[in-house]
N, C-alpha and C. Protein backbone atom coordinates (compact mmCIF):
# COMPACT_ATOMS: atom_id res chain seq x y z
N MET A 1 100.11 69.08 169.57
CA MET A 1 101.17 68.28 168.92
C MET A 1 102.32 68.07 169.91
N THR A 2 102.69 66.82 170.10
CA THR A 2 103.78 66.51 171.02
C THR A 2 105.13 66.73 170.34
N LEU A 3 105.96 67.56 170.96
CA LEU A 3 107.32 67.78 170.46
C LEU A 3 108.27 67.58 171.63
N LYS A 4 109.21 66.65 171.46
CA LYS A 4 110.23 66.40 172.48
C LYS A 4 111.59 66.41 171.81
N THR A 5 112.54 67.04 172.46
CA THR A 5 113.92 67.01 172.00
C THR A 5 114.76 66.32 173.06
N PHE A 6 115.35 65.19 172.68
CA PHE A 6 116.24 64.44 173.56
C PHE A 6 117.68 64.70 173.11
N THR A 7 118.47 65.29 173.98
CA THR A 7 119.88 65.53 173.69
C THR A 7 120.69 64.46 174.40
N LEU A 8 121.26 63.55 173.61
CA LEU A 8 121.99 62.40 174.14
C LEU A 8 123.48 62.65 174.09
N PHE A 9 124.18 62.31 175.15
CA PHE A 9 125.64 62.37 175.10
C PHE A 9 126.25 61.19 175.83
N ARG A 10 127.41 60.79 175.33
CA ARG A 10 128.19 59.72 175.96
C ARG A 10 129.08 60.34 177.03
N HIS A 11 129.40 59.55 178.02
CA HIS A 11 130.28 59.99 179.10
C HIS A 11 131.69 60.29 178.59
N GLY A 12 132.47 60.99 179.42
CA GLY A 12 133.87 61.27 179.10
C GLY A 12 134.75 60.02 179.23
N GLN A 13 135.99 60.20 178.88
CA GLN A 13 136.95 59.09 178.83
C GLN A 13 137.25 58.52 180.23
N THR A 14 137.47 57.21 180.26
CA THR A 14 137.94 56.52 181.46
C THR A 14 139.26 55.83 181.13
N ASP A 15 139.95 55.37 182.15
CA ASP A 15 141.19 54.61 181.91
C ASP A 15 140.91 53.34 181.13
N TRP A 16 139.75 52.74 181.38
CA TRP A 16 139.43 51.51 180.64
C TRP A 16 139.16 51.81 179.17
N ASN A 17 138.61 52.98 178.85
CA ASN A 17 138.49 53.37 177.44
C ASN A 17 139.86 53.40 176.79
N LEU A 18 140.82 54.01 177.48
CA LEU A 18 142.18 54.10 176.95
C LEU A 18 142.77 52.73 176.70
N GLU A 19 142.48 51.80 177.59
CA GLU A 19 143.04 50.45 177.49
C GLU A 19 142.24 49.55 176.56
N ARG A 20 141.16 50.08 175.96
CA ARG A 20 140.26 49.30 175.11
C ARG A 20 139.73 48.09 175.89
N ARG A 21 139.32 48.38 177.13
CA ARG A 21 138.80 47.36 178.02
C ARG A 21 137.29 47.57 178.17
N CYS A 22 136.52 46.51 178.04
CA CYS A 22 135.06 46.63 178.05
C CYS A 22 134.54 46.84 179.46
N GLN A 23 133.67 47.85 179.62
CA GLN A 23 133.21 48.25 180.94
C GLN A 23 131.84 47.68 181.30
N GLY A 24 130.88 47.77 180.37
CA GLY A 24 129.56 47.26 180.68
C GLY A 24 129.00 47.89 181.93
N HIS A 25 128.55 47.06 182.88
CA HIS A 25 128.00 47.55 184.14
C HIS A 25 129.07 47.85 185.18
N THR A 26 130.33 47.57 184.88
CA THR A 26 131.40 47.83 185.84
C THR A 26 131.52 49.34 186.06
N ASN A 27 131.62 49.75 187.32
CA ASN A 27 131.55 51.16 187.67
C ASN A 27 132.95 51.79 187.65
N ILE A 28 133.32 52.36 186.52
CA ILE A 28 134.63 52.98 186.32
C ILE A 28 134.46 54.49 186.25
N ALA A 29 135.29 55.22 186.98
CA ALA A 29 135.19 56.68 187.02
C ALA A 29 135.87 57.32 185.82
N LEU A 30 135.55 58.58 185.56
CA LEU A 30 136.26 59.36 184.55
C LEU A 30 137.73 59.52 184.96
N ASN A 31 138.61 59.58 183.96
CA ASN A 31 139.99 60.00 184.25
C ASN A 31 140.08 61.52 184.04
N GLU A 32 141.26 62.08 184.22
CA GLU A 32 141.38 63.53 184.15
C GLU A 32 141.03 64.06 182.76
N HIS A 33 141.45 63.33 181.72
CA HIS A 33 141.10 63.77 180.37
C HIS A 33 139.58 63.70 180.18
N GLY A 34 138.95 62.69 180.76
CA GLY A 34 137.50 62.57 180.67
C GLY A 34 136.80 63.73 181.35
N ARG A 35 137.36 64.21 182.44
CA ARG A 35 136.77 65.38 183.11
C ARG A 35 136.93 66.63 182.25
N GLN A 36 138.07 66.76 181.58
CA GLN A 36 138.25 67.88 180.66
C GLN A 36 137.24 67.80 179.52
N GLN A 37 137.03 66.59 178.99
CA GLN A 37 136.04 66.42 177.94
C GLN A 37 134.65 66.80 178.43
N ALA A 38 134.31 66.40 179.66
CA ALA A 38 133.00 66.71 180.23
C ALA A 38 132.82 68.21 180.39
N ARG A 39 133.89 68.91 180.78
CA ARG A 39 133.80 70.37 180.90
C ARG A 39 133.59 71.01 179.53
N GLY A 40 134.28 70.49 178.51
CA GLY A 40 134.07 71.00 177.15
C GLY A 40 132.66 70.74 176.65
N LEU A 41 132.14 69.55 176.94
CA LEU A 41 130.76 69.22 176.59
C LEU A 41 129.79 70.18 177.28
N ALA A 42 130.01 70.40 178.57
CA ALA A 42 129.13 71.29 179.34
C ALA A 42 129.15 72.70 178.76
N ASP A 43 130.31 73.16 178.36
CA ASP A 43 130.42 74.50 177.78
C ASP A 43 129.65 74.56 176.47
N PHE A 44 129.74 73.50 175.65
CA PHE A 44 129.01 73.47 174.38
C PHE A 44 127.50 73.50 174.62
N LEU A 45 127.04 72.79 175.63
CA LEU A 45 125.60 72.64 175.85
C LEU A 45 124.98 73.78 176.66
N LYS A 46 125.79 74.71 177.13
CA LYS A 46 125.23 75.71 178.04
C LYS A 46 124.18 76.60 177.38
N GLY A 47 124.20 76.71 176.05
CA GLY A 47 123.18 77.50 175.37
C GLY A 47 121.93 76.72 175.00
N PHE A 48 121.91 75.41 175.30
CA PHE A 48 120.75 74.59 174.97
C PHE A 48 119.69 74.73 176.07
N PRO A 49 118.42 74.73 175.69
CA PRO A 49 117.35 74.93 176.69
C PRO A 49 117.00 73.65 177.45
N LEU A 50 118.00 73.02 178.06
CA LEU A 50 117.76 71.77 178.77
C LEU A 50 116.98 72.02 180.05
N GLU A 51 116.06 71.12 180.35
CA GLU A 51 115.22 71.26 181.53
C GLU A 51 115.54 70.23 182.61
N VAL A 52 116.03 69.09 182.23
CA VAL A 52 116.35 68.03 183.17
C VAL A 52 117.36 67.09 182.49
N ILE A 53 118.18 66.42 183.30
CA ILE A 53 119.12 65.43 182.77
C ILE A 53 118.83 64.09 183.42
N PHE A 54 118.55 63.10 182.60
CA PHE A 54 118.46 61.72 183.08
C PHE A 54 119.79 61.04 182.76
N SER A 55 120.37 60.39 183.78
CA SER A 55 121.69 59.81 183.61
C SER A 55 121.73 58.36 184.07
N SER A 56 122.53 57.57 183.39
CA SER A 56 122.93 56.27 183.94
C SER A 56 123.47 56.50 185.34
N ASP A 57 123.22 55.52 186.23
CA ASP A 57 123.70 55.67 187.60
C ASP A 57 125.18 55.31 187.76
N LEU A 58 125.84 54.86 186.70
CA LEU A 58 127.27 54.56 186.77
C LEU A 58 128.06 55.87 186.82
N ASP A 59 129.14 55.87 187.60
CA ASP A 59 129.85 57.12 187.92
C ASP A 59 130.30 57.89 186.69
N ARG A 60 130.76 57.19 185.66
CA ARG A 60 131.31 57.89 184.50
C ARG A 60 130.24 58.73 183.79
N ALA A 61 129.02 58.21 183.73
CA ALA A 61 127.92 58.95 183.11
C ALA A 61 127.37 60.00 184.07
N ARG A 62 127.23 59.63 185.34
CA ARG A 62 126.68 60.58 186.33
C ARG A 62 127.57 61.81 186.47
N GLU A 63 128.90 61.60 186.55
CA GLU A 63 129.79 62.75 186.70
C GLU A 63 129.74 63.64 185.46
N THR A 64 129.68 63.04 184.29
CA THR A 64 129.54 63.82 183.05
C THR A 64 128.27 64.66 183.10
N ALA A 65 127.18 64.05 183.54
CA ALA A 65 125.90 64.78 183.65
C ALA A 65 126.01 65.92 184.65
N GLU A 66 126.74 65.70 185.73
CA GLU A 66 126.86 66.75 186.74
C GLU A 66 127.65 67.95 186.23
N TRP A 67 128.64 67.71 185.36
CA TRP A 67 129.35 68.85 184.75
C TRP A 67 128.39 69.66 183.89
N VAL A 68 127.54 68.98 183.13
CA VAL A 68 126.56 69.69 182.30
C VAL A 68 125.59 70.47 183.18
N SER A 69 125.15 69.84 184.27
CA SER A 69 124.22 70.50 185.19
C SER A 69 124.78 71.81 185.73
N LYS A 70 126.07 71.81 186.06
CA LYS A 70 126.70 73.02 186.61
C LYS A 70 126.61 74.20 185.65
N HIS A 71 126.60 73.91 184.34
CA HIS A 71 126.52 74.96 183.34
C HIS A 71 125.08 75.34 183.01
N HIS A 72 124.13 74.71 183.68
CA HIS A 72 122.71 75.02 183.48
C HIS A 72 122.06 75.37 184.81
N SER A 73 122.77 76.16 185.60
CA SER A 73 122.24 76.63 186.90
C SER A 73 121.80 75.49 187.80
N GLY A 74 122.53 74.37 187.66
CA GLY A 74 122.26 73.25 188.57
C GLY A 74 120.96 72.52 188.31
N ILE A 75 120.54 72.40 187.03
CA ILE A 75 119.32 71.64 186.75
C ILE A 75 119.47 70.22 187.27
N GLU A 76 118.33 69.62 187.57
CA GLU A 76 118.32 68.33 188.26
C GLU A 76 118.93 67.21 187.39
N VAL A 77 119.74 66.38 188.03
CA VAL A 77 120.24 65.14 187.42
C VAL A 77 119.53 63.98 188.10
N ARG A 78 118.78 63.21 187.34
CA ARG A 78 118.05 62.06 187.87
C ARG A 78 118.72 60.79 187.35
N THR A 79 119.22 59.96 188.25
CA THR A 79 119.94 58.76 187.84
C THR A 79 119.02 57.55 187.77
N THR A 80 119.35 56.65 186.86
CA THR A 80 118.58 55.42 186.69
C THR A 80 119.49 54.32 186.15
N ASN A 81 119.27 53.10 186.60
CA ASN A 81 120.04 51.98 186.06
C ASN A 81 119.54 51.56 184.68
N LEU A 82 118.42 52.12 184.23
CA LEU A 82 117.88 51.76 182.91
C LEU A 82 118.70 52.35 181.77
N LEU A 83 119.54 53.36 182.05
CA LEU A 83 120.40 53.96 181.03
C LEU A 83 121.83 53.41 181.08
N ARG A 84 122.03 52.34 181.84
CA ARG A 84 123.36 51.74 181.89
C ARG A 84 123.77 51.14 180.54
N GLU A 85 125.08 50.99 180.38
CA GLU A 85 125.62 50.25 179.24
C GLU A 85 125.08 48.82 179.28
N GLY A 86 125.12 48.14 178.16
CA GLY A 86 124.75 46.73 178.14
C GLY A 86 125.64 45.92 179.06
N HIS A 87 125.04 44.95 179.74
CA HIS A 87 125.81 44.05 180.61
C HIS A 87 126.54 43.04 179.72
N LEU A 88 127.86 42.99 179.85
CA LEU A 88 128.66 42.14 178.96
C LEU A 88 129.07 40.83 179.59
N GLY A 89 128.56 40.52 180.79
CA GLY A 89 128.82 39.23 181.40
C GLY A 89 130.31 38.96 181.56
N GLU A 90 130.74 37.78 181.11
CA GLU A 90 132.14 37.37 181.28
C GLU A 90 133.12 38.24 180.49
N ALA A 91 132.62 39.03 179.54
CA ALA A 91 133.51 39.88 178.74
C ALA A 91 133.87 41.18 179.47
N GLU A 92 133.14 41.51 180.54
CA GLU A 92 133.43 42.76 181.25
C GLU A 92 134.83 42.70 181.89
N GLY A 93 135.55 43.81 181.73
CA GLY A 93 136.89 43.89 182.28
C GLY A 93 137.97 43.36 181.35
N MET A 94 137.57 42.75 180.24
CA MET A 94 138.53 42.20 179.29
C MET A 94 138.83 43.22 178.19
N LYS A 95 140.07 43.21 177.71
CA LYS A 95 140.41 44.01 176.55
C LYS A 95 139.80 43.38 175.30
N ILE A 96 139.57 44.22 174.30
CA ILE A 96 138.92 43.73 173.08
C ILE A 96 139.69 42.58 172.46
N ASP A 97 141.02 42.68 172.42
CA ASP A 97 141.82 41.59 171.86
C ASP A 97 141.65 40.31 172.67
N GLU A 98 141.50 40.43 173.97
CA GLU A 98 141.29 39.26 174.83
C GLU A 98 139.92 38.64 174.56
N ILE A 99 138.92 39.48 174.32
CA ILE A 99 137.58 38.98 174.01
C ILE A 99 137.60 38.21 172.69
N LYS A 100 138.28 38.77 171.70
CA LYS A 100 138.36 38.09 170.40
C LYS A 100 139.07 36.75 170.54
N GLU A 101 140.10 36.71 171.39
CA GLU A 101 140.85 35.46 171.57
C GLU A 101 140.00 34.42 172.29
N LYS A 102 139.26 34.83 173.31
CA LYS A 102 138.49 33.87 174.12
C LYS A 102 137.19 33.46 173.43
N PHE A 103 136.47 34.43 172.84
CA PHE A 103 135.15 34.14 172.29
C PHE A 103 135.10 34.11 170.77
N GLY A 104 136.19 34.53 170.13
CA GLY A 104 136.26 34.53 168.67
C GLY A 104 136.01 35.91 168.08
N LYS A 105 136.80 36.26 167.08
CA LYS A 105 136.66 37.55 166.42
C LYS A 105 135.27 37.70 165.79
N GLU A 106 134.78 36.61 165.20
CA GLU A 106 133.48 36.68 164.53
C GLU A 106 132.36 37.02 165.52
N ARG A 107 132.43 36.46 166.72
CA ARG A 107 131.41 36.75 167.73
C ARG A 107 131.46 38.21 168.13
N TRP A 108 132.68 38.74 168.35
CA TRP A 108 132.82 40.16 168.72
C TRP A 108 132.31 41.07 167.60
N ASP A 109 132.73 40.78 166.36
CA ASP A 109 132.30 41.62 165.24
C ASP A 109 130.79 41.57 165.05
N SER A 110 130.21 40.38 165.22
CA SER A 110 128.77 40.24 165.06
C SER A 110 128.02 40.96 166.18
N PHE A 111 128.55 40.90 167.40
CA PHE A 111 127.92 41.57 168.53
C PHE A 111 127.90 43.08 168.32
N ARG A 112 128.92 43.60 167.67
CA ARG A 112 129.02 45.04 167.41
C ARG A 112 128.19 45.48 166.21
N HIS A 113 127.76 44.54 165.40
CA HIS A 113 127.05 44.86 164.16
C HIS A 113 125.69 45.46 164.47
N GLN A 114 125.26 46.44 163.66
CA GLN A 114 123.99 47.13 163.91
C GLN A 114 122.80 46.47 163.22
N ASN A 115 123.05 45.46 162.38
CA ASN A 115 121.96 44.78 161.71
C ASN A 115 121.10 44.03 162.73
N GLY A 116 119.80 44.12 162.58
CA GLY A 116 118.88 43.49 163.52
C GLY A 116 119.05 41.99 163.65
N ASN A 117 119.67 41.35 162.66
CA ASN A 117 119.86 39.91 162.71
C ASN A 117 120.76 39.48 163.86
N TRP A 118 121.53 40.41 164.41
CA TRP A 118 122.52 40.05 165.44
C TRP A 118 122.10 40.51 166.83
N LEU A 119 120.88 40.97 166.99
CA LEU A 119 120.47 41.54 168.27
C LEU A 119 120.40 40.52 169.40
N ASP A 120 120.31 39.24 169.09
CA ASP A 120 120.17 38.24 170.14
C ASP A 120 121.49 37.64 170.58
N LEU A 121 122.61 38.18 170.10
CA LEU A 121 123.92 37.73 170.56
C LEU A 121 124.23 38.33 171.92
N SER A 122 125.00 37.57 172.72
CA SER A 122 125.47 38.07 174.01
C SER A 122 126.75 37.32 174.37
N PHE A 123 127.34 37.73 175.48
CA PHE A 123 128.45 36.98 176.07
C PHE A 123 127.92 36.28 177.32
N PRO A 124 128.53 35.16 177.71
CA PRO A 124 127.98 34.39 178.84
C PRO A 124 127.72 35.26 180.07
N GLY A 125 126.49 35.16 180.59
CA GLY A 125 126.12 35.91 181.77
C GLY A 125 125.70 37.35 181.51
N GLY A 126 125.70 37.77 180.26
CA GLY A 126 125.40 39.17 179.93
C GLY A 126 124.08 39.32 179.21
N GLU A 127 123.74 40.58 178.91
CA GLU A 127 122.53 40.90 178.16
C GLU A 127 122.76 40.70 176.67
N THR A 128 121.71 40.36 175.96
CA THR A 128 121.76 40.46 174.51
C THR A 128 121.60 41.93 174.13
N ARG A 129 121.99 42.26 172.90
CA ARG A 129 121.78 43.63 172.44
C ARG A 129 120.29 43.97 172.44
N ARG A 130 119.45 42.99 172.13
CA ARG A 130 118.00 43.23 172.12
C ARG A 130 117.52 43.62 173.52
N GLU A 131 118.05 42.96 174.54
CA GLU A 131 117.63 43.24 175.91
C GLU A 131 118.08 44.64 176.35
N SER A 132 119.34 44.98 176.09
CA SER A 132 119.81 46.29 176.52
C SER A 132 119.14 47.41 175.73
N LEU A 133 118.95 47.21 174.43
CA LEU A 133 118.24 48.19 173.63
C LEU A 133 116.80 48.33 174.11
N GLY A 134 116.18 47.21 174.42
CA GLY A 134 114.78 47.24 174.85
C GLY A 134 114.57 48.07 176.09
N ARG A 135 115.44 47.92 177.09
CA ARG A 135 115.24 48.68 178.33
C ARG A 135 115.51 50.18 178.12
N VAL A 136 116.54 50.51 177.30
CA VAL A 136 116.84 51.91 177.06
C VAL A 136 115.74 52.57 176.22
N ARG A 137 115.32 51.90 175.17
CA ARG A 137 114.29 52.49 174.30
C ARG A 137 112.95 52.64 175.04
N LYS A 138 112.61 51.65 175.85
CA LYS A 138 111.37 51.75 176.64
C LYS A 138 111.43 52.94 177.59
N PHE A 139 112.60 53.16 178.20
CA PHE A 139 112.76 54.28 179.11
C PHE A 139 112.59 55.61 178.36
N VAL A 140 113.26 55.73 177.22
CA VAL A 140 113.19 56.98 176.45
C VAL A 140 111.78 57.23 175.94
N GLU A 141 111.14 56.20 175.42
CA GLU A 141 109.77 56.39 174.92
C GLU A 141 108.82 56.77 176.06
N GLY A 142 109.10 56.29 177.28
CA GLY A 142 108.28 56.66 178.42
C GLY A 142 108.38 58.13 178.77
N LEU A 143 109.50 58.75 178.41
CA LEU A 143 109.71 60.17 178.71
C LEU A 143 108.84 61.09 177.84
N ILE A 144 108.26 60.54 176.79
CA ILE A 144 107.36 61.34 175.96
C ILE A 144 106.21 61.90 176.80
N GLU A 145 105.82 61.16 177.84
CA GLU A 145 104.70 61.57 178.68
C GLU A 145 105.12 62.52 179.80
N HIS A 146 106.43 62.75 179.97
CA HIS A 146 106.89 63.66 181.01
C HIS A 146 106.66 65.12 180.58
N PRO A 147 106.51 66.01 181.56
CA PRO A 147 106.19 67.41 181.20
C PRO A 147 107.33 68.16 180.52
N GLU A 148 108.58 67.76 180.77
CA GLU A 148 109.70 68.50 180.17
C GLU A 148 109.75 68.27 178.66
N GLN A 149 110.06 69.33 177.93
CA GLN A 149 110.14 69.24 176.47
C GLN A 149 111.56 69.02 175.99
N ASN A 150 112.55 69.55 176.72
CA ASN A 150 113.96 69.44 176.33
C ASN A 150 114.71 68.63 177.39
N ILE A 151 115.00 67.39 177.05
CA ILE A 151 115.53 66.42 178.01
C ILE A 151 116.91 65.96 177.56
N ALA A 152 117.86 65.96 178.49
CA ALA A 152 119.20 65.44 178.20
C ALA A 152 119.33 64.03 178.77
N LEU A 153 120.10 63.20 178.07
CA LEU A 153 120.35 61.82 178.50
C LEU A 153 121.85 61.58 178.50
N SER A 154 122.39 61.22 179.66
CA SER A 154 123.82 60.92 179.80
C SER A 154 123.97 59.41 179.90
N THR A 155 124.62 58.82 178.89
CA THR A 155 124.63 57.37 178.83
C THR A 155 125.96 56.85 178.27
N HIS A 156 125.92 55.70 177.59
CA HIS A 156 127.13 54.95 177.23
C HIS A 156 127.15 54.62 175.74
N GLY A 157 128.34 54.32 175.25
CA GLY A 157 128.54 54.17 173.81
C GLY A 157 127.72 53.08 173.16
N GLY A 158 127.73 51.88 173.76
CA GLY A 158 127.03 50.76 173.13
C GLY A 158 125.54 50.95 173.05
N VAL A 159 124.92 51.33 174.18
CA VAL A 159 123.46 51.49 174.16
C VAL A 159 123.04 52.73 173.39
N MET A 160 123.90 53.74 173.38
CA MET A 160 123.59 54.95 172.61
C MET A 160 123.58 54.64 171.12
N ARG A 161 124.57 53.88 170.65
CA ARG A 161 124.63 53.50 169.24
C ARG A 161 123.42 52.65 168.87
N SER A 162 123.11 51.66 169.71
CA SER A 162 121.96 50.78 169.42
C SER A 162 120.65 51.56 169.39
N LEU A 163 120.48 52.49 170.35
CA LEU A 163 119.25 53.27 170.40
C LEU A 163 119.09 54.12 169.15
N LEU A 164 120.13 54.85 168.78
CA LEU A 164 120.04 55.72 167.61
C LEU A 164 119.78 54.91 166.35
N HIS A 165 120.48 53.78 166.20
CA HIS A 165 120.28 52.95 165.01
C HIS A 165 118.88 52.36 164.95
N SER A 166 118.24 52.18 166.11
CA SER A 166 116.89 51.62 166.10
C SER A 166 115.89 52.58 165.47
N PHE A 167 116.26 53.86 165.32
CA PHE A 167 115.40 54.85 164.67
C PHE A 167 115.88 55.17 163.25
N LEU A 168 116.90 54.48 162.77
CA LEU A 168 117.44 54.70 161.43
C LEU A 168 117.12 53.50 160.53
N PRO A 169 117.16 53.68 159.21
CA PRO A 169 116.87 52.57 158.31
C PRO A 169 117.92 51.46 158.43
N ASP A 170 117.50 50.22 158.18
CA ASP A 170 118.46 49.10 158.14
C ASP A 170 119.54 49.41 157.09
N GLY A 171 120.75 49.03 157.42
CA GLY A 171 121.85 49.26 156.49
C GLY A 171 122.49 50.62 156.62
N HIS A 172 122.01 51.45 157.52
CA HIS A 172 122.63 52.77 157.72
C HIS A 172 124.05 52.56 158.23
N PRO A 173 125.03 53.33 157.72
CA PRO A 173 126.41 53.18 158.19
C PRO A 173 126.49 53.34 159.71
N ALA A 174 127.39 52.58 160.32
CA ALA A 174 127.53 52.62 161.78
C ALA A 174 127.88 54.03 162.25
N LEU A 175 127.16 54.51 163.24
CA LEU A 175 127.41 55.83 163.79
C LEU A 175 128.67 55.82 164.65
N ASP A 176 129.40 56.91 164.60
CA ASP A 176 130.60 57.06 165.41
C ASP A 176 130.18 57.61 166.78
N ILE A 177 130.60 56.95 167.86
CA ILE A 177 130.19 57.35 169.20
C ILE A 177 131.43 57.53 170.09
N PRO A 178 132.24 58.56 169.85
CA PRO A 178 133.39 58.81 170.73
C PRO A 178 132.93 59.38 172.08
N ASN A 179 133.84 59.46 173.01
CA ASN A 179 133.50 60.03 174.31
C ASN A 179 132.97 61.45 174.17
N CYS A 180 131.87 61.74 174.87
CA CYS A 180 131.22 63.06 174.93
C CYS A 180 130.61 63.51 173.61
N VAL A 181 130.40 62.60 172.68
CA VAL A 181 129.69 62.95 171.46
C VAL A 181 128.24 63.30 171.81
N VAL A 182 127.63 64.18 171.00
CA VAL A 182 126.24 64.59 171.22
C VAL A 182 125.42 64.32 169.96
N TYR A 183 124.30 63.64 170.15
CA TYR A 183 123.28 63.47 169.11
C TYR A 183 121.97 63.98 169.69
N GLN A 184 121.00 64.20 168.81
CA GLN A 184 119.66 64.54 169.26
C GLN A 184 118.64 63.60 168.62
N LEU A 185 117.64 63.24 169.42
CA LEU A 185 116.46 62.53 168.94
C LEU A 185 115.29 63.51 169.06
N ILE A 186 114.61 63.73 167.95
CA ILE A 186 113.46 64.62 167.92
C ILE A 186 112.20 63.76 167.74
N PHE A 187 111.25 63.93 168.65
CA PHE A 187 109.97 63.24 168.52
C PHE A 187 108.89 64.28 168.26
N GLU A 188 108.23 64.16 167.12
CA GLU A 188 107.18 65.11 166.76
C GLU A 188 106.11 64.41 165.96
N ALA A 189 104.88 64.57 166.42
CA ALA A 189 103.72 64.02 165.71
C ALA A 189 103.88 62.53 165.43
N GLY A 190 104.42 61.81 166.42
CA GLY A 190 104.55 60.36 166.30
C GLY A 190 105.74 59.88 165.51
N GLU A 191 106.59 60.78 165.02
CA GLU A 191 107.74 60.41 164.22
C GLU A 191 109.04 60.77 164.95
N TRP A 192 110.08 59.95 164.72
CA TRP A 192 111.39 60.16 165.32
C TRP A 192 112.40 60.59 164.26
N GLN A 193 113.27 61.51 164.62
CA GLN A 193 114.33 61.96 163.73
C GLN A 193 115.65 61.98 164.50
N VAL A 194 116.71 61.46 163.88
CA VAL A 194 118.04 61.47 164.47
C VAL A 194 118.84 62.62 163.88
N LYS A 195 119.43 63.45 164.73
CA LYS A 195 120.29 64.55 164.27
C LYS A 195 121.68 64.39 164.89
N GLY A 196 122.70 64.62 164.05
CA GLY A 196 124.04 64.62 164.60
C GLY A 196 124.99 63.70 163.86
N PRO A 197 126.21 63.66 164.40
CA PRO A 197 126.60 64.27 165.68
C PRO A 197 126.66 65.81 165.57
N ILE A 198 126.24 66.46 166.65
CA ILE A 198 126.31 67.91 166.69
C ILE A 198 127.49 68.40 167.54
N PHE A 199 128.15 67.48 168.25
CA PHE A 199 129.36 67.78 168.99
C PHE A 199 130.12 66.47 169.19
N PRO A 200 131.43 66.43 169.02
CA PRO A 200 132.23 67.54 168.47
C PRO A 200 131.94 67.74 166.98
N ALA A 201 132.17 68.96 166.51
CA ALA A 201 131.87 69.29 165.12
C ALA A 201 132.83 68.55 164.20
């Protein structure tokens, strides 16, 4: 019987998070508070039997993963662009209020909606939610064949929310994904279960 536990966490805070500025693929580092959050996350996870960490290759996620690694005797951090946040095209670098003004509040609200009817929305030059979800979910499902049983994933708010909701029933209330939140995906006997948030409590 195949049993896999995926422990997912979002990166720590960045200055752009504070400014409510959309990051997408833009490579923004953690700020000092984000590093403190990452240290707190690492301390929480130190008792978990993690075997490997797969991380987005963007600095904010990679550095968060490296803090966790330090608390697990330096377990390997493997970076991949497949765990990146969704590419937001022309909306990247803009504050949310600026996006609503340029592209319309309805477009922003619909893009954020978890209902499958809105998965094909995007901003000019960016990925649709279906595209970003597809690459992340394909990557995670591919890990079922890897030898490690307890796998950590360091990623981003948008793709993390979309991934978790893809395993939940339609109409499920939107999950809260603050910086350094932890959820778990359990795969057993062909079935997926979402647990959390388990941190912060």
